[in-house]
C-alpha atoms as a PDB file:
ATOM      1  CA  UNK A   1     -12.977  12.039  21.045  1.00  0.00           C
ATOM      2  CA  UNK A   2      -9.615  12.628  22.744  1.00  0.00           C
ATOM      3  CA  UNK A   3      -7.682  11.315  19.727  1.00  0.00           C
ATOM      4  CA  UNK A   4      -9.579  13.689  17.440  1.00  0.00           C
ATOM      5  CA  UNK A   5      -8.929  16.553  19.864  1.00  0.00           C
ATOM      6  CA  UNK A   6      -5.203  15.773  19.951  1.00  0.00           C
ATOM      7  CA  UNK A   7      -5.038  15.628  16.157  1.00  0.00           C
ATOM      8  CA  UNK A   8      -6.874  18.933  15.787  1.00  0.00           C
ATOM      9  CA  UNK A   9      -4.733  20.630  18.443  1.00  0.00           C
ATOM     10  CA  UNK A  10      -1.526  19.509  16.714  1.00  0.00           C
ATOM     11  CA  UNK A  11      -2.813  20.593  13.304  1.00  0.00           C
ATOM     12  CA  UNK A  12      -3.851  24.025  14.561  1.00  0.00           C
ATOM     13  CA  UNK A  13      -0.494  24.532  16.315  1.00  0.00           C
ATOM     14  CA  UNK A  14       1.365  23.538  13.167  1.00  0.00           C
ATOM     15  CA  UNK A  15      -0.818  25.823  11.060  1.00  0.00           C
ATOM     16  CA  UNK A  16      -0.206  28.756  13.409  1.00  0.00           C
ATOM     17  CA  UNK A  17       3.572  28.248  13.246  1.00  0.00           C
ATOM     18  CA  UNK A  18       3.407  28.271   9.447  1.00  0.00           C
ATOM     19  CA  UNK A  19       0.891  31.130   9.056  1.00  0.00           C
ATOM     20  CA  UNK A  20      -1.572  28.810   7.322  1.00  0.00           C
ATOM     21  CA  UNK A  21      -5.060  29.944   6.494  1.00  0.00           C
ATOM     22  CA  UNK A  22      -6.412  26.471   5.706  1.00  0.00           C
ATOM     23  CA  UNK A  23      -5.488  22.887   6.524  1.00  0.00           C
ATOM     24  CA  UNK A  24      -6.384  20.743   3.540  1.00  0.00           C
ATOM     25  CA  UNK A  25      -5.111  17.249   4.325  1.00  0.00           C
ATOM     26  CA  UNK A  26      -3.477  15.336   7.161  1.00  0.00           C
ATOM     27  CA  UNK A  27      -1.804  11.951   6.721  1.00  0.00           C
ATOM     28  CA  UNK A  28      -1.869   9.935   9.940  1.00  0.00           C
ATOM     29  CA  UNK A  29      -0.049   6.709  10.744  1.00  0.00           C
ATOM     30  CA  UNK A  30      -1.904   4.819  13.477  1.00  0.00           C
ATOM     31  CA  UNK A  31      -0.933   1.579  15.199  1.00  0.00           C
ATOM     32  CA  UNK A  32      -3.532  -1.167  14.998  1.00  0.00           C
ATOM     33  CA  UNK A  33      -3.265  -1.899  18.726  1.00  0.00           C
ATOM     34  CA  UNK A  34      -4.907   1.455  19.486  1.00  0.00           C
ATOM     35  CA  UNK A  35      -8.116  -0.100  18.100  1.00  0.00           C
ATOM     36  CA  UNK A  36      -9.238   3.167  16.537  1.00  0.00           C
ATOM     37  CA  UNK A  37     -12.312   3.040  14.346  1.00  0.00           C
ATOM     38  CA  UNK A  38     -11.529   5.328  11.389  1.00  0.00           C
ATOM     39  CA  UNK A  39     -15.184   6.271  10.843  1.00  0.00           C
ATOM     40  CA  UNK A  40     -15.599   7.312  14.471  1.00  0.00           C
ATOM     41  CA  UNK A  41     -12.343   9.262  14.385  1.00  0.00           C
ATOM     42  CA  UNK A  42     -13.446  11.045  11.219  1.00  0.00           C
ATOM     43  CA  UNK A  43     -16.875  11.823  12.721  1.00  0.00           C
ATOM     44  CA  UNK A  44     -15.374  13.261  15.912  1.00  0.00           C
ATOM     45  CA  UNK A  45     -12.807  15.255  13.960  1.00  0.00           C
ATOM     46  CA  UNK A  46     -15.551  16.742  11.754  1.00  0.00           C
ATOM     47  CA  UNK A  47     -17.592  17.712  14.805  1.00  0.00           C
ATOM     48  CA  UNK A  48     -14.796  19.513  16.648  1.00  0.00           C
ATOM     49  CA  UNK A  49     -13.103  21.106  13.639  1.00  0.00           C
ATOM     50  CA  UNK A  50     -16.169  23.076  12.541  1.00  0.00           C
ATOM     51  CA  UNK A  51     -15.514  26.784  12.176  1.00  0.00           C
ATOM     52  CA  UNK A  52     -11.735  26.269  12.303  1.00  0.00           C
ATOM     53  CA  UNK A  53      -9.210  26.366   9.482  1.00  0.00           C
ATOM     54  CA  UNK A  54      -9.302  22.547   9.594  1.00  0.00           C
ATOM     55  CA  UNK A  55     -13.021  22.170   8.926  1.00  0.00           C
ATOM     56  CA  UNK A  56     -12.434  20.955   5.348  1.00  0.00           C
ATOM     57  CA  UNK A  57      -9.365  18.893   6.176  1.00  0.00           C
ATOM     58  CA  UNK A  58      -9.271  15.357   4.798  1.00  0.00           C
ATOM     59  CA  UNK A  59      -7.853  12.743   7.144  1.00  0.00           C
ATOM     60  CA  UNK A  60      -5.825  10.108   5.348  1.00  0.00           C
ATOM     61  CA  UNK A  61      -5.334   7.229   7.759  1.00  0.00           C
ATOM     62  CA  UNK A  62      -2.703   4.524   7.355  1.00  0.00           C
ATOM     63  CA  UNK A  63      -2.797   1.664   9.854  1.00  0.00           C
ATOM     64  CA  UNK A  64       0.401  -0.165  10.800  1.00  0.00           C
ATOM     65  CA  UNK A  65       0.738  -3.569  12.408  1.00  0.00           C
ATOM     66  CA  UNK A  66       2.877  -4.155  15.475  1.00  0.00           C
ATOM     67  CA  UNK A  67       6.007  -6.285  15.279  1.00  0.00           C
ATOM     68  CA  UNK A  68       5.349  -9.369  17.399  1.00  0.00           C
ATOM     69  CA  UNK A  69       8.200 -11.817  17.913  1.00  0.00           C
ATOM     70  CA  UNK A  70       9.122 -14.636  20.274  1.00  0.00           C
ATOM     71  CA  UNK A  71      12.068 -13.585  22.424  1.00  0.00           C
ATOM     72  CA  UNK A  72      13.292 -17.201  22.612  1.00  0.00           C
ATOM     73  CA  UNK A  73      13.080 -18.564  19.038  1.00  0.00           C
ATOM     74  CA  UNK A  74      12.453 -15.403  16.989  1.00  0.00           C
ATOM     75  CA  UNK A  75       9.195 -16.612  15.404  1.00  0.00           C
ATOM     76  CA  UNK A  76       7.022 -13.728  14.155  1.00  0.00           C
ATOM     77  CA  UNK A  77       3.273 -13.482  14.771  1.00  0.00           C
ATOM     78  CA  UNK A  78       0.409 -11.586  13.131  1.00  0.00           C
ATOM     79  CA  UNK A  79      -1.651 -11.233  16.297  1.00  0.00           C
ATOM     80  CA  UNK A  80      -0.629 -10.723  19.917  1.00  0.00           C
ATOM     81  CA  UNK A  81      -0.049 -13.959  21.815  1.00  0.00           C
ATOM     82  CA  UNK A  82       1.204 -14.422  25.346  1.00  0.00           C
ATOM     83  CA  UNK A  83       3.441 -17.427  24.767  1.00  0.00           C
ATOM     84  CA  UNK A  84       5.007 -19.027  21.671  1.00  0.00           C
ATOM     85  CA  UNK A  85       4.780 -22.778  20.930  1.00  0.00           C
ATOM     86  CA  UNK A  86       8.431 -23.063  22.038  1.00  0.00           C
ATOM     87  CA  UNK A  87       7.454 -21.766  25.481  1.00  0.00           C
ATOM     88  CA  UNK A  88       9.069 -18.365  25.039  1.00  0.00           C
ATOM     89  CA  UNK A  89       7.307 -15.100  25.730  1.00  0.00           C
ATOM     90  CA  UNK A  90       6.541 -12.730  22.888  1.00  0.00           C
ATOM     91  CA  UNK A  91       7.706  -9.162  22.522  1.00  0.00           C
ATOM     92  CA  UNK A  92       5.404  -6.549  21.016  1.00  0.00           C
ATOM     93  CA  UNK A  93       7.032  -3.522  19.395  1.00  0.00           C
ATOM     94  CA  UNK A  94       4.973  -0.693  17.962  1.00  0.00           C
ATOM     95  CA  UNK A  95       1.306  -0.825  17.097  1.00  0.00           C
ATOM     96  CA  UNK A  96       0.331   1.887  19.584  1.00  0.00           C
ATOM     97  CA  UNK A  97       1.724   4.907  17.774  1.00  0.00           C
ATOM     98  CA  UNK A  98      -0.141   7.839  16.280  1.00  0.00           C
ATOM     99  CA  UNK A  99       2.041   9.897  13.977  1.00  0.00           C
ATOM    100  CA  UNK A 100       1.133  12.994  12.020  1.00  0.00           C
ATOM    101  CA  UNK A 101       3.174  12.031   8.958  1.00  0.00           C
ATOM    102  CA  UNK A 102       2.367  14.934   6.650  1.00  0.00           C
ATOM    103  CA  UNK A 103       0.080  17.942   6.359  1.00  0.00           C
ATOM    104  CA  UNK A 104      -1.009  19.941   3.348  1.00  0.00           C
ATOM    105  CA  UNK A 105      -1.819  23.550   4.222  1.00  0.00           C
ATOM    106  CA  UNK A 106      -2.586  26.709   2.340  1.00  0.00           C
ATOM    107  CA  UNK A 107      -0.308  29.450   3.602  1.00  0.00           C
ATOM    108  CA  UNK A 108      -0.259  33.197   3.058  1.00  0.00           C
END
C-alpha cells in the first residue's frame, strides 16, 4: 500500500503544480528487485485514488532488471548471486528504483 500511496502523493503534487483537473496516465519504471506485484499495486492505487483527480488514471508499469556483474572478472548475471564461478563477489546496480517517468494530465 505504501508504494501506491507514494505514487498517488507524487501525482497529486505534480497535478497541483500544473493546475491539472485530471490525471489520465502515469508511466512508472520499477526495478525488479522491489518485487512489486503489478496487480496488487494497481488494486491499492484504485482503492486510495477514489474521489481524487487520479481516480481514472491508468498506471503503465515498465519493469527494469538490475545490472549484476562480477567485480573480479566482469561476467554479467541475470539473477542475483553472491559469488561468481571465478570466486569474485558480484555487484548489483539498480533494480530497486521507482521512477515516475511521465504523466498525462488534463490542465485548465
